Amino acid sequence: MQLKPPGIITFLISIILTVTVLISKFFGAEIPFLQNNEFWALLFAQLLLVIACLSPDL
């Protein structure tokens, strides 16, 4: 199994979601869909990035 770099759209979605979660957690920003779900959103962002590296189509 070979790894490949993720597509630019997948990479940007993952980075934007990760930064949004970190801002929400450390600076106290209240983002409606992230309140009390920071862990799951961060896990989703990182899993998206890992799957994109493993999949040939993302």
N, C-alpha and C. Protein backbone atom coordinates (compact mmCIF):
# COMPACT_ATOMS: atom_id res chain seq x y z
N MET A 1 0.84 -1.17 0.00
CA MET A 1 0.00 0.00 0.00
C MET A 1 0.90 1.24 0.00
N GLN A 2 0.66 2.10 -0.95
CA GLN A 2 1.45 3.33 -1.03
C GLN A 2 0.61 4.52 -0.58
N LEU A 3 1.27 5.45 0.05
CA LEU A 3 0.62 6.69 0.46
C LEU A 3 0.75 7.70 -0.65
N LYS A 4 -0.22 8.58 -0.75
CA LYS A 4 -0.16 9.67 -1.71
C LYS A 4 -0.63 10.94 -1.01
N PRO A 5 -0.24 12.07 -1.52
CA PRO A 5 -0.71 13.32 -0.88
C PRO A 5 -2.21 13.49 -1.13
N PRO A 6 -2.92 14.06 -0.16
CA PRO A 6 -4.37 14.27 -0.35
C PRO A 6 -4.62 15.39 -1.36
N GLY A 7 -5.82 15.41 -1.89
CA GLY A 7 -6.20 16.49 -2.79
C GLY A 7 -6.27 17.82 -2.04
N ILE A 8 -6.18 18.90 -2.77
CA ILE A 8 -6.15 20.23 -2.14
C ILE A 8 -7.45 20.55 -1.41
N ILE A 9 -8.59 20.13 -1.97
CA ILE A 9 -9.87 20.40 -1.31
C ILE A 9 -9.97 19.62 0.00
N THR A 10 -9.60 18.35 -0.02
CA THR A 10 -9.63 17.53 1.19
C THR A 10 -8.68 18.07 2.24
N PHE A 11 -7.51 18.47 1.82
CA PHE A 11 -6.53 19.04 2.74
C PHE A 11 -7.06 20.32 3.37
N LEU A 12 -7.64 21.20 2.56
CA LEU A 12 -8.15 22.47 3.09
C LEU A 12 -9.32 22.25 4.05
N ILE A 13 -10.21 21.31 3.74
CA ILE A 13 -11.33 21.03 4.64
C ILE A 13 -10.80 20.55 5.99
N SER A 14 -9.83 19.66 5.95
CA SER A 14 -9.26 19.13 7.18
C SER A 14 -8.57 20.23 7.99
N ILE A 15 -7.79 21.06 7.34
CA ILE A 15 -7.07 22.14 8.04
C ILE A 15 -8.05 23.17 8.61
N ILE A 16 -9.04 23.56 7.84
CA ILE A 16 -10.01 24.56 8.31
C ILE A 16 -10.78 24.03 9.51
N LEU A 17 -11.20 22.76 9.45
CA LEU A 17 -11.93 22.18 10.58
C LEU A 17 -11.04 22.07 11.81
N THR A 18 -9.79 21.68 11.63
CA THR A 18 -8.86 21.57 12.76
C THR A 18 -8.61 22.93 13.40
N VAL A 19 -8.36 23.94 12.61
CA VAL A 19 -8.11 25.29 13.14
C VAL A 19 -9.36 25.82 13.84
N THR A 20 -10.54 25.56 13.28
CA THR A 20 -11.78 26.01 13.90
C THR A 20 -11.98 25.36 15.27
N VAL A 21 -11.69 24.08 15.37
CA VAL A 21 -11.81 23.39 16.66
C VAL A 21 -10.82 23.96 17.67
N LEU A 22 -9.59 24.18 17.24
CA LEU A 22 -8.58 24.72 18.16
C LEU A 22 -8.94 26.12 18.64
N ILE A 23 -9.45 26.95 17.75
CA ILE A 23 -9.89 28.29 18.15
C ILE A 23 -11.04 28.20 19.14
N SER A 24 -11.97 27.31 18.86
CA SER A 24 -13.11 27.13 19.75
C SER A 24 -12.67 26.65 21.13
N LYS A 25 -11.74 25.73 21.17
CA LYS A 25 -11.31 25.14 22.44
C LYS A 25 -10.44 26.08 23.26
N PHE A 26 -9.44 26.69 22.64
CA PHE A 26 -8.46 27.46 23.40
C PHE A 26 -8.82 28.93 23.58
N PHE A 27 -9.62 29.50 22.69
CA PHE A 27 -9.96 30.91 22.81
C PHE A 27 -11.41 31.13 23.22
N GLY A 28 -12.15 30.05 23.42
CA GLY A 28 -13.52 30.17 23.93
C GLY A 28 -14.54 30.67 22.93
N ALA A 29 -14.24 30.58 21.65
CA ALA A 29 -15.22 30.99 20.64
C ALA A 29 -16.39 30.02 20.67
N GLU A 30 -17.60 30.56 20.60
CA GLU A 30 -18.80 29.73 20.64
C GLU A 30 -19.28 29.50 19.21
N ILE A 31 -19.00 28.33 18.70
CA ILE A 31 -19.41 27.94 17.36
C ILE A 31 -20.52 26.91 17.52
N PRO A 32 -21.72 27.19 17.02
CA PRO A 32 -22.89 26.36 17.34
C PRO A 32 -22.73 24.87 17.08
N PHE A 33 -22.23 24.46 15.94
CA PHE A 33 -22.15 23.03 15.65
C PHE A 33 -20.97 22.35 16.32
N LEU A 34 -20.09 23.11 16.98
CA LEU A 34 -18.93 22.51 17.64
C LEU A 34 -19.03 22.46 19.16
N GLN A 35 -19.99 23.15 19.73
CA GLN A 35 -20.07 23.18 21.19
C GLN A 35 -20.27 21.77 21.73
N ASN A 36 -19.38 21.38 22.63
CA ASN A 36 -19.37 20.06 23.27
C ASN A 36 -19.09 18.91 22.30
N ASN A 37 -18.65 19.22 21.10
CA ASN A 37 -18.31 18.19 20.12
C ASN A 37 -16.92 18.41 19.54
N GLU A 38 -16.05 19.10 20.27
CA GLU A 38 -14.73 19.41 19.73
C GLU A 38 -13.92 18.15 19.43
N PHE A 39 -13.99 17.19 20.32
CA PHE A 39 -13.23 15.96 20.12
C PHE A 39 -13.64 15.26 18.84
N TRP A 40 -14.94 15.12 18.62
CA TRP A 40 -15.43 14.40 17.44
C TRP A 40 -15.12 15.15 16.16
N ALA A 41 -15.20 16.47 16.18
CA ALA A 41 -14.87 17.25 14.99
C ALA A 41 -13.39 17.14 14.66
N LEU A 42 -12.54 17.17 15.68
CA LEU A 42 -11.10 17.04 15.45
C LEU A 42 -10.76 15.63 14.97
N LEU A 43 -11.39 14.63 15.54
CA LEU A 43 -11.19 13.26 15.10
C LEU A 43 -11.63 13.09 13.65
N PHE A 44 -12.76 13.67 13.28
CA PHE A 44 -13.24 13.60 11.89
C PHE A 44 -12.26 14.26 10.94
N ALA A 45 -11.74 15.42 11.31
CA ALA A 45 -10.80 16.13 10.44
C ALA A 45 -9.53 15.32 10.22
N GLN A 46 -9.03 14.71 11.26
CA GLN A 46 -7.79 13.94 11.12
C GLN A 46 -8.02 12.61 10.39
N LEU A 47 -9.15 11.97 10.65
CA LEU A 47 -9.47 10.74 9.91
C LEU A 47 -9.69 11.02 8.43
N LEU A 48 -10.29 12.16 8.12
CA LEU A 48 -10.46 12.56 6.72
C LEU A 48 -9.11 12.69 6.04
N LEU A 49 -8.17 13.28 6.72
CA LEU A 49 -6.83 13.45 6.17
C LEU A 49 -6.11 12.10 5.99
N VAL A 50 -6.25 11.22 6.95
CA VAL A 50 -5.62 9.89 6.85
C VAL A 50 -6.26 9.08 5.71
N ILE A 51 -7.57 9.09 5.63
CA ILE A 51 -8.25 8.35 4.57
C ILE A 51 -7.89 8.92 3.20
N ALA A 52 -7.74 10.22 3.11
CA ALA A 52 -7.35 10.83 1.84
C ALA A 52 -5.95 10.43 1.43
N CYS A 53 -5.08 10.21 2.39
CA CYS A 53 -3.73 9.75 2.06
C CYS A 53 -3.70 8.29 1.63
N LEU A 54 -4.63 7.51 2.12
CA LEU A 54 -4.67 6.09 1.79
C LEU A 54 -5.48 5.78 0.53
N SER A 55 -6.46 6.61 0.25
CA SER A 55 -7.35 6.36 -0.88
C SER A 55 -6.80 7.01 -2.16
N PRO A 56 -6.90 6.32 -3.28
CA PRO A 56 -6.38 6.90 -4.53
C PRO A 56 -7.30 7.96 -5.13
N ASP A 57 -8.55 8.09 -4.64
CA ASP A 57 -9.50 8.98 -5.28
C ASP A 57 -9.83 10.26 -4.53
N LEU A 58 -9.29 10.45 -3.34
CA LEU A 58 -9.65 11.66 -2.59
C LEU A 58 -8.58 12.69 -2.73
